[in-house]
Amino acid sequence: MTKDSSQTALLWIVAAGFFMQSLDTTIVNTALPSIANSLHVAPLAMQPIVVAYTLTMAMLTPASGWLADRFGTRRVYFAAILLFVIGSICCASAHTLGQLVMARVLQGVGGSMLLPIGRLAVLRSVTGEQYVAALAFISVAGQLGPIAGPTLGGWFVQAITWHWIFLINVPIGAVGLYAVQRFLPAHGETQAPPFDFVGCGLLSLCMIAFSLAIDAPMPTHRLAWSAALFVLAAVSALAYIPHAKRRADPLFKLSLFREPNFSVGLIGNLVCRIGSSAVPFLVPLLLQLQLGYSPLHSGLMMLPAALAGTVAKRWIAPLVRRYGYDTFLLVNTVIVGSSIVAFALITRGTPLVVGITILAVFGAANSMQFAAMNSVTLKDLSHADAGSGNSLFSMVQMLAIGLGVSIGGGLVNLFSAQVGSAALGFRLAFVCVGVITLVSAWVFRHLDEAPASRTVHGQATQGAGR
């Protein structure tokens, strides 16, 4: 096999892994009511299967590079696909919510390594001048997942059973396992630096405690449990500071936060993504539970947002060059937050074109928001800090998705119980998560604006992010 054909095969392998991961993040949402009915639980009690997956990926993503160095890229990537496939089979075999949550954790273990290690394999095999083009090719697979996921999930539920939203990963994964052994270069083990297990444990404990505090699963004394979990999250986060100061090679260097735009971008990303991540979870539930849509119809309704997001990506660079990051993010954040609030206006009598327009506006603005937030957060980091900063940034992204689902679902349950109307509960929840997104506009006002001539290249150079 020639070098060019070997590199082409590598790109297809990594793109397939990224597609499988991004598909699984979105395909579940339209199937939640059907899964809930099969497992005999309330649809709004299903958020743990989304949170468990994203939180597991957030915790394990920083270890992926170390694992690749320690055990070899091909070996670890093979293990990642295998774990993802086994987790998918376990998901399809689950008979209780608890079993499904545990299977999603196993899926998350594999999913946490698919993109970072695939990206590392490309970096080690593709020359510098071809690297950006290679990552752009891989990112297309990440864009196809959210486009196909909701519709495919709805079709599987309606035409076959919900189990196929997970079983679809088995043939894809089987081909991937063969391709990894056949085509992926065998980068051997290297002398990996000591991994900061203590630092990773402290930050993981912080994320788990914070997520549980948002939506405490305890049936009694929930307020007390939430307060205790918030305290535990704060203590574990604060404990990381002296640990990082003492250790020569901490998981994340504290010097990262001396770059002001990184700190502001990280906080702004977390706040903004909490609101926008609630939408893919809440909208299919609203359409099916309140408006009477079929699973396939609700999946098709998510297409305008995904397609508009794909089209809008090309607008971001010229807009930022003209207006600068601070002005663009301020205005665009208002558009994203306002479109989320607008979902509260959708009822059974709302014309279809209005719903599609709101979804398209949200999808376009949200896609540009992610690209701009990614770029402004990472663009000023030094070469030495870029890898560590990107890893921390990926953790925050995954954490925000889980928090958005927990907060969105929790608000619907809270308001529905308080006002005695699930429809009004959904409306008030959309207003709240929209307001949370709008708060991030205030955060982005604290950016140190760089010269407007700088282009938005963060996603291309730092990886195929979302």
Protein backbone atom coordinates (compact mmCIF):
# COMPACT_ATOMS: atom_id res chain seq x y z
CA MET A 1 0.00 0.00 0.00
CA THR A 2 1.36 3.42 -0.95
CA LYS A 3 1.85 6.20 1.58
CA ASP A 4 -0.99 8.28 0.08
CA SER A 5 -3.45 5.38 0.15
CA SER A 6 -2.39 4.54 3.70
CA GLN A 7 -3.04 8.13 4.80
CA THR A 8 -6.42 8.12 3.04
CA ALA A 9 -7.40 4.93 4.87
CA LEU A 10 -6.28 6.48 8.16
CA LEU A 11 -8.45 9.55 7.60
CA TRP A 12 -11.48 7.40 6.83
CA ILE A 13 -10.89 5.33 9.99
CA VAL A 14 -10.67 8.41 12.21
CA ALA A 15 -13.64 10.06 10.46
CA ALA A 16 -15.74 6.93 10.99
CA GLY A 17 -14.85 6.91 14.69
CA PHE A 18 -15.76 10.58 15.04
CA PHE A 19 -19.02 10.00 13.15
CA MET A 20 -19.89 7.08 15.44
CA GLN A 21 -19.24 9.21 18.53
CA SER A 22 -21.11 12.30 17.30
CA LEU A 23 -24.01 10.17 16.01
CA ASP A 24 -24.41 8.54 19.40
CA THR A 25 -24.53 11.93 21.12
CA THR A 26 -27.62 12.95 19.12
CA ILE A 27 -29.39 9.76 18.01
CA VAL A 28 -30.64 8.99 21.51
CA ASN A 29 -32.69 12.18 22.03
CA THR A 30 -35.59 11.42 19.68
CA ALA A 31 -35.86 7.88 21.07
CA LEU A 32 -36.09 8.88 24.74
CA PRO A 33 -39.92 8.64 25.06
CA SER A 34 -39.93 5.17 23.45
CA ILE A 35 -37.04 3.96 25.61
CA ALA A 36 -38.77 5.34 28.71
CA ASN A 37 -41.99 3.52 27.80
CA SER A 38 -40.07 0.27 27.28
CA LEU A 39 -38.26 0.60 30.61
CA HIS A 40 -41.43 1.76 32.43
CA VAL A 41 -40.05 5.11 33.60
CA ALA A 42 -41.07 8.72 32.96
CA PRO A 43 -39.55 10.29 29.80
CA LEU A 44 -38.12 13.19 31.82
CA ALA A 45 -36.34 10.69 34.08
CA MET A 46 -34.17 9.67 31.13
CA GLN A 47 -31.58 12.44 31.36
CA PRO A 48 -29.09 10.19 33.28
CA ILE A 49 -28.45 8.17 30.11
CA VAL A 50 -27.29 11.34 28.35
CA VAL A 51 -25.44 12.76 31.36
CA ALA A 52 -23.64 9.48 32.12
CA TYR A 53 -22.26 9.32 28.58
CA THR A 54 -21.05 12.93 28.36
CA LEU A 55 -19.70 13.03 31.91
CA THR A 56 -17.68 9.85 31.38
CA MET A 57 -16.15 11.35 28.25
CA ALA A 58 -15.36 14.56 30.12
CA MET A 59 -13.53 12.68 32.87
CA LEU A 60 -11.47 10.39 30.64
CA THR A 61 -10.59 12.63 27.68
CA PRO A 62 -7.44 14.08 29.38
CA ALA A 63 -6.03 10.57 29.83
CA SER A 64 -6.34 9.62 26.15
CA GLY A 65 -3.05 11.13 25.01
CA TRP A 66 -1.13 9.54 27.88
CA LEU A 67 -2.70 6.14 27.13
CA ALA A 68 -1.70 6.43 23.46
CA ASP A 69 1.89 7.24 24.45
CA ARG A 70 2.02 4.51 27.05
CA PHE A 71 0.43 1.63 25.12
CA GLY A 72 0.63 2.69 21.47
CA THR A 73 -1.85 4.60 19.29
CA ARG A 74 -3.17 1.62 17.31
CA ARG A 75 -3.66 -0.57 20.37
CA VAL A 76 -5.55 2.08 22.33
CA TYR A 77 -7.69 3.15 19.34
CA PHE A 78 -8.61 -0.50 18.75
CA ALA A 79 -9.57 -0.81 22.43
CA ALA A 80 -11.63 2.40 22.23
CA ILE A 81 -13.73 1.10 19.32
CA LEU A 82 -14.10 -2.31 20.98
CA LEU A 83 -15.33 -0.76 24.26
CA PHE A 84 -17.71 1.48 22.35
CA VAL A 85 -19.18 -1.50 20.47
CA ILE A 86 -19.48 -3.63 23.63
CA GLY A 87 -21.14 -0.68 25.39
CA SER A 88 -23.57 -0.32 22.48
CA ILE A 89 -24.53 -4.01 22.71
CA CYS A 90 -25.03 -3.64 26.47
CA CYS A 91 -27.26 -0.59 25.87
CA ALA A 92 -29.45 -2.55 23.46
CA SER A 93 -29.65 -5.41 25.98
CA ALA A 94 -30.63 -3.23 28.97
CA HIS A 95 -33.91 -4.01 30.74
CA THR A 96 -33.79 -1.30 33.41
CA LEU A 97 -32.77 2.35 33.53
CA GLY A 98 -29.86 1.50 35.84
CA GLN A 99 -28.52 -1.09 33.40
CA LEU A 100 -28.80 1.40 30.53
CA VAL A 101 -26.95 4.08 32.49
CA MET A 102 -24.09 1.68 33.28
CA ALA A 103 -23.91 0.62 29.63
CA ARG A 104 -23.75 4.30 28.60
CA VAL A 105 -20.81 4.76 30.96
CA LEU A 106 -19.02 1.92 29.16
CA GLN A 107 -19.84 3.57 25.84
CA GLY A 108 -18.46 6.83 27.20
CA VAL A 109 -15.16 5.17 28.13
CA GLY A 110 -14.67 4.17 24.49
CA GLY A 111 -16.10 7.39 23.10
CA SER A 112 -13.75 9.53 25.19
CA MET A 113 -10.76 8.18 23.25
CA LEU A 114 -12.13 8.05 19.69
CA LEU A 115 -11.57 11.65 18.62
CA PRO A 116 -8.46 12.61 20.68
CA ILE A 117 -6.50 9.48 19.77
CA GLY A 118 -7.70 9.54 16.18
CA ARG A 119 -6.55 13.14 15.93
CA LEU A 120 -3.21 12.16 17.46
CA ALA A 121 -2.78 9.34 14.93
CA VAL A 122 -3.38 11.83 12.12
CA LEU A 123 -0.90 14.29 13.63
CA ARG A 124 1.78 11.61 13.76
CA SER A 125 1.16 10.34 10.22
CA VAL A 126 0.27 13.42 8.15
CA THR A 127 2.76 16.13 7.23
CA GLY A 128 2.32 19.63 8.63
CA GLU A 129 1.05 21.25 5.44
CA GLN A 130 -1.62 18.56 5.07
CA TYR A 131 -2.70 18.48 8.71
CA VAL A 132 -5.30 21.27 8.59
CA ALA A 133 -6.90 19.78 5.45
CA ALA A 134 -6.95 16.36 7.12
CA LEU A 135 -8.70 17.72 10.22
CA ALA A 136 -11.19 19.57 8.03
CA PHE A 137 -12.04 16.23 6.35
CA ILE A 138 -12.52 14.58 9.76
CA SER A 139 -14.72 17.44 10.98
CA VAL A 140 -17.21 16.73 8.18
CA ALA A 141 -17.96 13.40 9.88
CA GLY A 142 -18.64 15.25 13.11
CA GLN A 143 -21.10 17.50 11.28
CA LEU A 144 -22.91 14.55 9.67
CA GLY A 145 -23.62 12.93 13.04
CA PRO A 146 -25.93 15.67 14.37
CA ILE A 147 -27.62 15.92 10.95
CA ALA A 148 -28.38 12.20 10.65
CA GLY A 149 -28.77 11.35 14.35
CA PRO A 150 -32.23 12.70 15.27
CA THR A 151 -33.89 11.54 12.04
CA LEU A 152 -32.20 8.13 12.08
CA GLY A 153 -33.13 7.68 15.74
CA GLY A 154 -36.76 8.54 15.03
CA TRP A 155 -36.86 6.17 12.05
CA PHE A 156 -35.39 3.26 14.02
CA VAL A 157 -37.92 3.75 16.82
CA GLN A 158 -40.86 3.98 14.43
CA ALA A 159 -39.86 1.34 11.85
CA ILE A 160 -38.05 -1.23 14.02
CA THR A 161 -37.29 -0.76 17.76
CA TRP A 162 -35.27 1.69 19.84
CA HIS A 163 -32.58 -0.97 20.36
CA TRP A 164 -31.26 -0.29 16.85
CA ILE A 165 -30.09 3.21 17.77
CA PHE A 166 -27.31 1.36 19.61
CA LEU A 167 -27.00 -1.77 17.44
CA ILE A 168 -26.20 0.39 14.41
CA ASN A 169 -22.78 0.92 16.00
CA VAL A 170 -21.96 -2.80 15.83
CA PRO A 171 -21.41 -3.18 12.04
CA ILE A 172 -19.72 0.23 11.87
CA GLY A 173 -17.47 -0.74 14.76
CA ALA A 174 -16.69 -4.17 13.28
CA VAL A 175 -15.48 -2.58 10.05
CA GLY A 176 -13.52 -0.06 12.13
CA LEU A 177 -11.78 -2.78 14.15
CA TYR A 178 -10.67 -4.56 10.97
CA ALA A 179 -9.54 -1.29 9.39
CA VAL A 180 -7.52 -0.28 12.47
CA GLN A 181 -5.59 -3.56 12.41
CA ARG A 182 -5.15 -3.38 8.64
CA PHE A 183 -4.39 0.29 7.99
CA LEU A 184 -3.61 2.26 11.17
CA PRO A 185 0.16 2.82 11.53
CA ALA A 186 1.59 0.96 14.51
CA HIS A 187 3.05 3.86 16.47
CA GLY A 188 4.80 2.07 19.30
CA GLU A 189 4.92 2.78 22.98
CA THR A 190 6.94 5.79 24.09
CA GLN A 191 8.31 6.95 27.39
CA ALA A 192 5.13 8.69 28.49
CA PRO A 193 5.48 11.25 31.31
CA PRO A 194 3.86 10.32 34.63
CA PHE A 195 0.12 10.85 34.49
CA ASP A 196 -1.47 13.08 37.12
CA PHE A 197 -3.95 10.57 38.52
CA VAL A 198 -4.57 12.66 41.64
CA GLY A 199 -5.35 15.81 39.66
CA CYS A 200 -7.60 13.89 37.27
CA GLY A 201 -9.38 12.33 40.26
CA LEU A 202 -9.95 15.71 41.93
CA LEU A 203 -11.41 17.30 38.79
CA SER A 204 -13.51 14.20 38.06
CA LEU A 205 -14.89 14.26 41.58
CA CYS A 206 -15.70 17.94 41.13
CA MET A 207 -17.61 17.29 37.90
CA ILE A 208 -19.52 14.28 39.27
CA ALA A 209 -20.48 16.05 42.50
CA PHE A 210 -21.54 19.21 40.68
CA SER A 211 -23.65 17.26 38.17
CA LEU A 212 -25.36 15.25 40.91
CA ALA A 213 -25.98 18.41 42.93
CA ILE A 214 -27.90 19.92 40.00
CA ASP A 215 -30.29 16.97 39.85
CA ALA A 216 -29.84 15.01 43.08
CA PRO A 217 -31.23 11.47 42.66
CA MET A 218 -31.93 11.07 46.39
CA PRO A 219 -35.68 10.69 47.10
CA THR A 220 -35.54 12.42 50.51
CA HIS A 221 -33.68 15.48 51.83
CA ARG A 222 -32.78 16.49 48.28
CA LEU A 223 -31.92 20.06 49.25
CA ALA A 224 -29.48 18.92 51.92
CA TRP A 225 -27.91 16.40 49.54
CA SER A 226 -27.55 19.04 46.82
CA ALA A 227 -25.90 21.48 49.24
CA ALA A 228 -23.47 18.80 50.42
CA LEU A 229 -22.60 17.83 46.84
CA PHE A 230 -22.03 21.48 45.88
CA VAL A 231 -19.63 21.80 48.83
CA LEU A 232 -17.83 18.61 47.80
CA ALA A 233 -17.48 19.93 44.24
CA ALA A 234 -16.05 23.23 45.49
CA VAL A 235 -13.63 21.55 47.89
CA SER A 236 -12.29 19.15 45.26
CA ALA A 237 -11.83 22.02 42.76
CA LEU A 238 -10.02 24.16 45.32
CA ALA A 239 -7.87 21.20 46.37
CA TYR A 240 -6.59 20.97 42.81
CA ILE A 241 -4.91 24.41 43.09
CA PRO A 242 -2.26 23.52 45.74
CA HIS A 243 -1.85 20.11 44.12
CA ALA A 244 -1.07 21.70 40.73
CA LYS A 245 1.37 24.15 42.36
CA ARG A 246 3.30 21.34 44.02
CA ARG A 247 3.44 18.99 41.03
CA ALA A 248 5.96 19.58 38.24
CA ASP A 249 3.65 18.20 35.54
CA PRO A 250 0.03 18.64 36.68
CA LEU A 251 -2.94 17.57 34.57
CA PHE A 252 -3.60 21.23 33.73
CA LYS A 253 -1.08 23.95 34.49
CA LEU A 254 -2.42 26.93 36.42
CA SER A 255 -0.49 29.17 34.01
CA LEU A 256 -3.27 28.49 31.48
CA PHE A 257 -5.46 30.90 33.37
CA ARG A 258 -2.97 33.74 33.05
CA GLU A 259 -4.15 34.10 29.47
CA PRO A 260 -7.25 36.27 30.05
CA ASN A 261 -9.14 35.21 26.94
CA PHE A 262 -8.73 31.55 27.87
CA SER A 263 -10.32 32.10 31.28
CA VAL A 264 -13.14 34.26 29.92
CA GLY A 265 -13.72 31.90 26.99
CA LEU A 266 -13.82 28.85 29.24
CA ILE A 267 -16.42 30.38 31.58
CA GLY A 268 -18.42 31.79 28.68
CA ASN A 269 -18.39 28.42 26.94
CA LEU A 270 -19.64 26.64 30.04
CA VAL A 271 -22.50 29.08 30.66
CA CYS A 272 -23.54 29.37 27.01
CA ARG A 273 -23.39 25.64 26.30
CA ILE A 274 -25.53 24.82 29.33
CA GLY A 275 -28.43 26.63 27.68
CA SER A 276 -27.83 25.48 24.12
CA SER A 277 -27.20 21.85 25.17
CA ALA A 278 -30.63 21.65 26.78
CA VAL A 279 -32.33 22.27 23.41
CA PRO A 280 -31.53 18.93 21.65
CA PHE A 281 -32.80 17.15 24.77
CA LEU A 282 -35.96 19.19 25.40
CA VAL A 283 -37.22 19.86 21.85
CA PRO A 284 -37.84 16.19 20.86
CA LEU A 285 -39.61 15.66 24.21
CA LEU A 286 -41.74 18.77 23.65
CA LEU A 287 -42.66 17.66 20.12
CA GLN A 288 -43.57 14.10 21.10
CA LEU A 289 -45.07 14.51 24.59
CA GLN A 290 -46.88 17.83 24.16
CA LEU A 291 -47.48 18.33 20.44
CA GLY A 292 -48.18 14.71 19.50
CA TYR A 293 -45.42 14.29 16.91
CA SER A 294 -44.24 10.80 15.96
CA PRO A 295 -40.58 9.93 16.68
CA LEU A 296 -39.69 10.20 12.98
CA HIS A 297 -41.52 13.52 12.59
CA SER A 298 -39.78 14.97 15.64
CA GLY A 299 -36.43 13.77 14.27
CA LEU A 300 -37.11 15.42 10.93
CA MET A 301 -37.98 18.65 12.74
CA MET A 302 -34.40 18.78 14.06
CA LEU A 303 -32.98 18.78 10.52
CA PRO A 304 -33.39 22.56 9.93
CA ALA A 305 -31.20 23.32 12.94
CA ALA A 306 -28.46 20.89 11.86
CA LEU A 307 -28.49 21.95 8.20
CA ALA A 308 -28.55 25.67 9.03
CA GLY A 309 -25.63 25.11 11.38
CA THR A 310 -23.59 23.44 8.65
CA VAL A 311 -24.29 26.27 6.18
CA ALA A 312 -23.58 29.03 8.72
CA LYS A 313 -20.05 27.80 9.53
CA ARG A 314 -18.71 29.58 6.45
CA TRP A 315 -20.05 32.94 7.68
CA ILE A 316 -18.12 33.08 10.93
CA ALA A 317 -14.65 34.08 9.64
CA PRO A 318 -15.75 37.15 7.61
CA LEU A 319 -18.10 38.30 10.38
CA VAL A 320 -15.39 38.15 13.04
CA ARG A 321 -12.89 39.88 10.75
CA ARG A 322 -15.38 42.72 10.25
CA TYR A 323 -16.76 43.15 13.78
CA GLY A 324 -14.23 41.49 16.10
CA TYR A 325 -14.79 38.70 18.58
CA ASP A 326 -16.27 40.82 21.36
CA THR A 327 -18.99 42.45 19.23
CA PHE A 328 -19.78 39.28 17.32
CA LEU A 329 -20.11 37.13 20.46
CA LEU A 330 -22.20 39.77 22.22
CA VAL A 331 -24.73 40.00 19.37
CA ASN A 332 -24.72 36.32 18.43
CA THR A 333 -25.17 35.20 22.04
CA VAL A 334 -28.27 37.37 22.26
CA ILE A 335 -29.59 35.68 19.09
CA VAL A 336 -28.89 32.18 20.47
CA GLY A 337 -30.49 32.95 23.85
CA SER A 338 -33.50 34.66 22.29
CA SER A 339 -34.12 31.75 19.91
CA ILE A 340 -34.07 29.34 22.87
CA VAL A 341 -36.63 31.50 24.67
CA ALA A 342 -38.70 31.50 21.45
CA PHE A 343 -39.20 27.73 21.78
CA ALA A 344 -41.56 28.58 24.64
CA LEU A 345 -43.95 30.06 22.04
CA ILE A 346 -44.38 26.78 20.13
CA THR A 347 -47.79 25.18 20.77
CA ARG A 348 -50.13 22.84 18.89
CA GLY A 349 -51.52 25.82 16.99
CA THR A 350 -48.16 27.23 15.93
CA PRO A 351 -47.72 27.14 12.12
CA LEU A 352 -45.09 24.63 11.00
CA VAL A 353 -43.08 27.31 9.21
CA VAL A 354 -42.68 29.25 12.47
CA GLY A 355 -41.25 26.23 14.28
CA ILE A 356 -38.89 25.47 11.41
CA THR A 357 -37.73 29.11 11.31
CA ILE A 358 -36.97 29.16 15.04
CA LEU A 359 -35.03 25.90 14.74
CA ALA A 360 -33.07 27.18 11.73
CA VAL A 361 -32.18 30.48 13.43
CA PHE A 362 -31.07 28.60 16.54
CA GLY A 363 -29.02 26.11 14.52
CA ALA A 364 -27.23 28.78 12.48
CA ALA A 365 -26.48 31.08 15.42
CA ASN A 366 -25.47 28.19 17.69
CA SER A 367 -23.06 26.78 15.11
CA MET A 368 -21.34 30.15 14.68
CA GLN A 369 -21.32 30.59 18.45
CA PHE A 370 -19.42 27.34 18.96
CA ALA A 371 -16.86 28.20 16.27
CA ALA A 372 -16.24 31.68 17.68
CA MET A 373 -16.12 30.50 21.30
CA ASN A 374 -13.68 27.71 20.43
CA SER A 375 -11.39 30.04 18.55
CA VAL A 376 -11.33 32.93 21.01
CA THR A 377 -10.67 30.57 23.91
CA LEU A 378 -7.70 28.76 22.36
CA LYS A 379 -6.14 31.14 19.84
CA ASP A 380 -3.78 33.00 22.19
CA LEU A 381 -2.36 30.00 24.04
CA SER A 382 1.33 29.30 23.56
CA HIS A 383 2.41 26.22 21.63
CA ALA A 384 3.47 24.58 24.89
CA ASP A 385 0.04 25.18 26.48
CA ALA A 386 -2.12 24.46 23.42
CA GLY A 387 -2.50 20.71 24.04
CA SER A 388 -3.30 21.08 27.72
CA GLY A 389 -5.67 23.98 27.09
CA ASN A 390 -7.52 22.07 24.36
CA SER A 391 -7.90 19.07 26.67
CA LEU A 392 -9.36 21.19 29.49
CA PHE A 393 -11.60 22.92 26.98
CA SER A 394 -12.91 19.54 25.78
CA MET A 395 -13.69 18.58 29.37
CA VAL A 396 -15.71 21.75 29.86
CA GLN A 397 -17.63 21.12 26.62
CA MET A 398 -18.68 17.63 27.71
CA LEU A 399 -19.51 18.84 31.23
CA ALA A 400 -21.71 21.61 29.81
CA ILE A 401 -23.70 19.14 27.71
CA GLY A 402 -24.44 17.03 30.76
CA LEU A 403 -25.33 20.07 32.87
CA GLY A 404 -27.62 21.41 30.14
CA VAL A 405 -29.56 18.15 30.04
CA SER A 406 -29.75 17.92 33.85
CA ILE A 407 -30.82 21.55 34.29
CA GLY A 408 -33.28 21.49 31.39
CA GLY A 409 -34.96 18.28 32.51
CA GLY A 410 -34.92 19.32 36.15
CA LEU A 411 -36.59 22.65 35.36
CA VAL A 412 -39.37 20.96 33.39
CA ASN A 413 -40.04 18.60 36.31
CA LEU A 414 -39.91 21.44 38.84
CA PHE A 415 -42.22 23.80 36.97
CA SER A 416 -44.63 21.03 35.95
CA ALA A 417 -45.05 20.04 39.59
CA GLN A 418 -45.40 23.66 40.75
CA VAL A 419 -47.93 24.86 38.16
CA GLY A 420 -49.64 21.53 37.49
CA SER A 421 -49.12 21.72 33.72
CA ALA A 422 -46.40 19.91 31.76
CA ALA A 423 -46.92 22.23 28.76
CA LEU A 424 -46.30 25.31 30.90
CA GLY A 425 -43.38 23.51 32.54
CA PHE A 426 -41.69 23.15 29.15
CA ARG A 427 -42.30 26.82 28.31
CA LEU A 428 -40.84 28.08 31.57
CA ALA A 429 -37.85 25.73 31.22
CA PHE A 430 -37.05 27.10 27.76
CA VAL A 431 -37.24 30.65 29.12
CA CYS A 432 -34.84 29.79 31.95
CA VAL A 433 -32.22 28.01 29.83
CA GLY A 434 -32.47 30.82 27.28
CA VAL A 435 -31.76 33.36 30.02
CA ILE A 436 -28.78 31.26 31.17
CA THR A 437 -27.38 31.51 27.64
CA LEU A 438 -27.99 35.27 27.58
CA VAL A 439 -25.91 35.61 30.77
CA SER A 440 -22.86 34.42 28.82
CA ALA A 441 -23.09 37.61 26.71
CA TRP A 442 -22.06 39.52 29.83
CA VAL A 443 -19.13 37.10 30.30
CA PHE A 444 -17.89 37.67 26.74
CA ARG A 445 -17.89 41.44 27.30
CA HIS A 446 -14.71 40.88 29.35
CA LEU A 447 -12.70 39.60 26.37
CA ASP A 448 -9.43 41.33 25.53
CA GLU A 449 -10.15 42.01 21.87
CA ALA A 450 -7.43 40.96 19.45
CA PRO A 451 -6.85 42.68 16.12
CA ALA A 452 -9.79 42.08 13.81
CA SER A 453 -7.49 40.79 11.08
CA ARG A 454 -7.07 37.52 12.95
CA THR A 455 -9.13 34.82 11.33
CA VAL A 456 -11.17 32.18 13.01
CA HIS A 457 -9.02 29.10 12.75
CA GLY A 458 -9.34 27.64 16.22
CA GLN A 459 -11.47 24.69 15.21
CA ALA A 460 -9.28 23.78 12.28
CA THR A 461 -5.98 23.99 14.12
CA GLN A 462 -7.08 22.69 17.49
CA GLY A 463 -9.19 19.84 16.16
CA ALA A 464 -12.59 18.91 14.90
CA GLY A 465 -14.49 20.33 17.83
CA ARG A 466 -18.19 21.08 18.21
